[in-house]
Amino acid sequence: MTKLLSEEQASGTARVVYDDIKKHFGMVPNLFKAMAAADPDWLAINWQREKTIMLEAGQLDRKTRELIAMTVSIVNHCEYCTLAHEAMAVRLRTSKEEINHAKQVIELFSSFNAIVNAYPGIPCDIKPIE
């Protein structure tokens, strides 16, 4: 099993980052505890990336970002991340119907991707709007 750095054991960089994570999430997810156990500086870098991309204001609203994160996690077969991002989406008032619709879109395009990959060389004739 992967080693986790508990909150009680955290000191230095890990303690500072854990306190910031708790301020945003109310707890420290095990993903971050695993990073801290491996390398507290790596945890700090990834936590800053998380804050910049997922928590700070951006061109996409937070709910949309969580649904994208859930989608990537489903496609990459990461159950931990799928459950975490679905839970975050629910906390952001995403309805069960919206989550199910997102999962339908994921399934549809996963199957379309498989079809295209089964027929290599299909030229894409749809161009981006400029």
C-alpha atoms as a PDB file:
ATOM      1  CA  MET A   1       0.000   0.000   0.000  1.00  0.00           C
ATOM      2  CA  THR A   2       1.150   3.538  -0.724  1.00  0.00           C
ATOM      3  CA  LYS A   3       2.559   5.434   2.226  1.00  0.00           C
ATOM      4  CA  LEU A   4       0.583   8.489   3.354  1.00  0.00           C
ATOM      5  CA  LEU A   5       1.915  11.334   5.492  1.00  0.00           C
ATOM      6  CA  SER A   6      -0.707  11.829   8.195  1.00  0.00           C
ATOM      7  CA  GLU A   7      -1.718  15.287   9.326  1.00  0.00           C
ATOM      8  CA  GLU A   8      -0.204  14.562  12.737  1.00  0.00           C
ATOM      9  CA  GLN A   9       3.165  13.727  11.139  1.00  0.00           C
ATOM     10  CA  ALA A  10       3.222  16.725   8.795  1.00  0.00           C
ATOM     11  CA  SER A  11       5.821  19.398   9.468  1.00  0.00           C
ATOM     12  CA  GLY A  12       7.652  22.081   7.510  1.00  0.00           C
ATOM     13  CA  THR A  13       6.490  22.422   3.904  1.00  0.00           C
ATOM     14  CA  ALA A  14       3.963  19.615   4.269  1.00  0.00           C
ATOM     15  CA  ARG A  15       2.360  21.293   7.303  1.00  0.00           C
ATOM     16  CA  VAL A  16       2.063  24.658   5.511  1.00  0.00           C
ATOM     17  CA  VAL A  17       0.496  23.032   2.438  1.00  0.00           C
ATOM     18  CA  TYR A  18      -1.820  20.807   4.516  1.00  0.00           C
ATOM     19  CA  ASP A  19      -3.117  23.884   6.352  1.00  0.00           C
ATOM     20  CA  ASP A  20      -3.832  25.605   3.036  1.00  0.00           C
ATOM     21  CA  ILE A  21      -5.537  22.516   1.609  1.00  0.00           C
ATOM     22  CA  LYS A  22      -7.733  22.247   4.721  1.00  0.00           C
ATOM     23  CA  LYS A  23      -8.660  25.919   4.349  1.00  0.00           C
ATOM     24  CA  HIS A  24     -10.025  25.167   0.870  1.00  0.00           C
ATOM     25  CA  PHE A  25     -11.383  21.615   1.248  1.00  0.00           C
ATOM     26  CA  GLY A  26     -11.981  21.214   4.990  1.00  0.00           C
ATOM     27  CA  MET A  27      -9.724  18.127   4.920  1.00  0.00           C
ATOM     28  CA  VAL A  28      -6.569  16.812   3.277  1.00  0.00           C
ATOM     29  CA  PRO A  29      -7.343  14.246   0.552  1.00  0.00           C
ATOM     30  CA  ASN A  30      -5.215  11.089   0.507  1.00  0.00           C
ATOM     31  CA  LEU A  31      -3.787  11.998  -2.907  1.00  0.00           C
ATOM     32  CA  PHE A  32      -2.012  14.954  -1.302  1.00  0.00           C
ATOM     33  CA  LYS A  33      -0.928  12.834   1.675  1.00  0.00           C
ATOM     34  CA  ALA A  34       0.715  10.381  -0.742  1.00  0.00           C
ATOM     35  CA  MET A  35       2.516  13.221  -2.531  1.00  0.00           C
ATOM     36  CA  ALA A  36       3.717  14.622   0.808  1.00  0.00           C
ATOM     37  CA  ALA A  37       5.046  11.218   1.871  1.00  0.00           C
ATOM     38  CA  ALA A  38       7.007  10.973  -1.387  1.00  0.00           C
ATOM     39  CA  ASP A  39       8.281  14.570  -1.477  1.00  0.00           C
ATOM     40  CA  PRO A  40       6.822  17.615   0.321  1.00  0.00           C
ATOM     41  CA  ASP A  41       8.230  19.973  -2.340  1.00  0.00           C
ATOM     42  CA  TRP A  42       6.417  17.971  -5.023  1.00  0.00           C
ATOM     43  CA  LEU A  43       3.231  18.316  -2.970  1.00  0.00           C
ATOM     44  CA  ALA A  44       3.740  22.103  -2.782  1.00  0.00           C
ATOM     45  CA  ILE A  45       4.220  22.369  -6.561  1.00  0.00           C
ATOM     46  CA  ASN A  46       1.129  20.293  -7.316  1.00  0.00           C
ATOM     47  CA  TRP A  47      -1.002  22.090  -4.727  1.00  0.00           C
ATOM     48  CA  GLN A  48      -0.088  25.415  -6.342  1.00  0.00           C
ATOM     49  CA  ARG A  49      -1.065  23.978  -9.744  1.00  0.00           C
ATOM     50  CA  GLU A  50      -4.391  22.780  -8.258  1.00  0.00           C
ATOM     51  CA  LYS A  51      -5.125  26.215  -6.822  1.00  0.00           C
ATOM     52  CA  THR A  52      -4.178  28.041 -10.018  1.00  0.00           C
ATOM     53  CA  ILE A  53      -6.116  25.810 -12.400  1.00  0.00           C
ATOM     54  CA  MET A  54      -9.050  24.571 -10.323  1.00  0.00           C
ATOM     55  CA  LEU A  55      -9.686  27.041  -7.500  1.00  0.00           C
ATOM     56  CA  GLU A  56      -8.821  30.506  -8.797  1.00  0.00           C
ATOM     57  CA  ALA A  57     -11.132  32.376 -11.166  1.00  0.00           C
ATOM     58  CA  GLY A  58     -10.675  31.391 -14.799  1.00  0.00           C
ATOM     59  CA  GLN A  59     -12.398  31.389 -18.145  1.00  0.00           C
ATOM     60  CA  LEU A  60     -14.377  28.271 -17.176  1.00  0.00           C
ATOM     61  CA  ASP A  61     -16.562  28.190 -14.095  1.00  0.00           C
ATOM     62  CA  ARG A  62     -15.564  25.804 -11.303  1.00  0.00           C
ATOM     63  CA  LYS A  63     -18.437  23.406 -11.950  1.00  0.00           C
ATOM     64  CA  THR A  64     -17.361  22.996 -15.582  1.00  0.00           C
ATOM     65  CA  ARG A  65     -13.757  22.408 -14.524  1.00  0.00           C
ATOM     66  CA  GLU A  66     -14.846  19.691 -12.075  1.00  0.00           C
ATOM     67  CA  LEU A  67     -16.920  17.991 -14.781  1.00  0.00           C
ATOM     68  CA  ILE A  68     -13.913  18.087 -17.126  1.00  0.00           C
ATOM     69  CA  ALA A  69     -11.719  16.631 -14.364  1.00  0.00           C
ATOM     70  CA  MET A  70     -14.318  13.913 -13.772  1.00  0.00           C
ATOM     71  CA  THR A  71     -14.370  13.173 -17.513  1.00  0.00           C
ATOM     72  CA  VAL A  72     -10.585  12.858 -17.763  1.00  0.00           C
ATOM     73  CA  SER A  73     -10.599  10.635 -14.683  1.00  0.00           C
ATOM     74  CA  ILE A  74     -13.249   8.335 -16.159  1.00  0.00           C
ATOM     75  CA  VAL A  75     -11.398   8.097 -19.478  1.00  0.00           C
ATOM     76  CA  ASN A  76      -8.115   7.383 -17.634  1.00  0.00           C
ATOM     77  CA  HIS A  77      -9.832   4.745 -15.447  1.00  0.00           C
ATOM     78  CA  CYS A  78      -8.901   6.493 -12.179  1.00  0.00           C
ATOM     79  CA  GLU A  79     -11.640   5.528  -9.736  1.00  0.00           C
ATOM     80  CA  TYR A  80     -10.201   7.660  -6.902  1.00  0.00           C
ATOM     81  CA  CYS A  81     -10.173  10.818  -9.044  1.00  0.00           C
ATOM     82  CA  THR A  82     -13.548  10.051 -10.648  1.00  0.00           C
ATOM     83  CA  LEU A  83     -15.191   9.770  -7.233  1.00  0.00           C
ATOM     84  CA  ALA A  84     -13.387  12.859  -5.909  1.00  0.00           C
ATOM     85  CA  HIS A  85     -14.315  15.104  -8.838  1.00  0.00           C
ATOM     86  CA  GLU A  86     -17.896  13.842  -8.966  1.00  0.00           C
ATOM     87  CA  ALA A  87     -18.194  14.625  -5.233  1.00  0.00           C
ATOM     88  CA  MET A  88     -16.726  18.100  -5.802  1.00  0.00           C
ATOM     89  CA  ALA A  89     -19.174  18.686  -8.659  1.00  0.00           C
ATOM     90  CA  VAL A  90     -22.057  17.737  -6.359  1.00  0.00           C
ATOM     91  CA  ARG A  91     -20.713  20.137  -3.701  1.00  0.00           C
ATOM     92  CA  LEU A  92     -20.842  22.818  -6.412  1.00  0.00           C
ATOM     93  CA  ARG A  93     -24.548  22.069  -6.927  1.00  0.00           C
ATOM     94  CA  THR A  94     -24.232  19.871  -9.984  1.00  0.00           C
ATOM     95  CA  SER A  95     -27.394  17.800 -10.180  1.00  0.00           C
ATOM     96  CA  LYS A  96     -27.451  14.027 -10.567  1.00  0.00           C
ATOM     97  CA  GLU A  97     -29.079  14.619 -13.959  1.00  0.00           C
ATOM     98  CA  GLU A  98     -26.190  16.854 -15.070  1.00  0.00           C
ATOM     99  CA  ILE A  99     -23.631  14.271 -13.920  1.00  0.00           C
ATOM    100  CA  ASN A 100     -25.500  11.488 -15.710  1.00  0.00           C
ATOM    101  CA  HIS A 101     -25.706  13.613 -18.877  1.00  0.00           C
ATOM    102  CA  ALA A 102     -21.945  14.238 -18.695  1.00  0.00           C
ATOM    103  CA  LYS A 103     -21.394  10.485 -18.371  1.00  0.00           C
ATOM    104  CA  GLN A 104     -23.590   9.908 -21.435  1.00  0.00           C
ATOM    105  CA  VAL A 105     -21.448  12.366 -23.415  1.00  0.00           C
ATOM    106  CA  ILE A 106     -18.291  10.594 -22.178  1.00  0.00           C
ATOM    107  CA  GLU A 107     -19.639   7.202 -23.264  1.00  0.00           C
ATOM    108  CA  LEU A 108     -20.796   8.514 -26.647  1.00  0.00           C
ATOM    109  CA  PHE A 109     -17.457  10.048 -27.546  1.00  0.00           C
ATOM    110  CA  SER A 110     -15.461   7.165 -26.110  1.00  0.00           C
ATOM    111  CA  SER A 111     -17.344   4.909 -28.524  1.00  0.00           C
ATOM    112  CA  PHE A 112     -16.984   7.389 -31.415  1.00  0.00           C
ATOM    113  CA  ASN A 113     -13.220   7.554 -30.717  1.00  0.00           C
ATOM    114  CA  ALA A 114     -13.073   3.750 -30.824  1.00  0.00           C
ATOM    115  CA  ILE A 115     -14.899   3.721 -34.168  1.00  0.00           C
ATOM    116  CA  VAL A 116     -12.550   6.328 -35.670  1.00  0.00           C
ATOM    117  CA  ASN A 117      -9.529   4.440 -34.338  1.00  0.00           C
ATOM    118  CA  ALA A 118     -10.871   1.239 -35.932  1.00  0.00           C
ATOM    119  CA  TYR A 119     -10.943   3.017 -39.316  1.00  0.00           C
ATOM    120  CA  PRO A 120      -7.595   4.826 -39.453  1.00  0.00           C
ATOM    121  CA  GLY A 121      -7.101   7.582 -41.942  1.00  0.00           C
ATOM    122  CA  ILE A 122     -10.587   9.085 -41.819  1.00  0.00           C
ATOM    123  CA  PRO A 123      -9.821  12.698 -42.693  1.00  0.00           C
ATOM    124  CA  CYS A 124     -11.385  15.275 -40.415  1.00  0.00           C
ATOM    125  CA  ASP A 125     -13.454  17.596 -42.563  1.00  0.00           C
ATOM    126  CA  ILE A 126     -14.686  19.794 -39.744  1.00  0.00           C
ATOM    127  CA  LYS A 127     -12.591  22.917 -39.286  1.00  0.00           C
ATOM    128  CA  PRO A 128     -12.550  25.212 -36.244  1.00  0.00           C
ATOM    129  CA  ILE A 129     -14.484  28.472 -36.503  1.00  0.00           C
ATOM    130  CA  GLU A 130     -12.149  31.431 -36.593  1.00  0.00           C
END
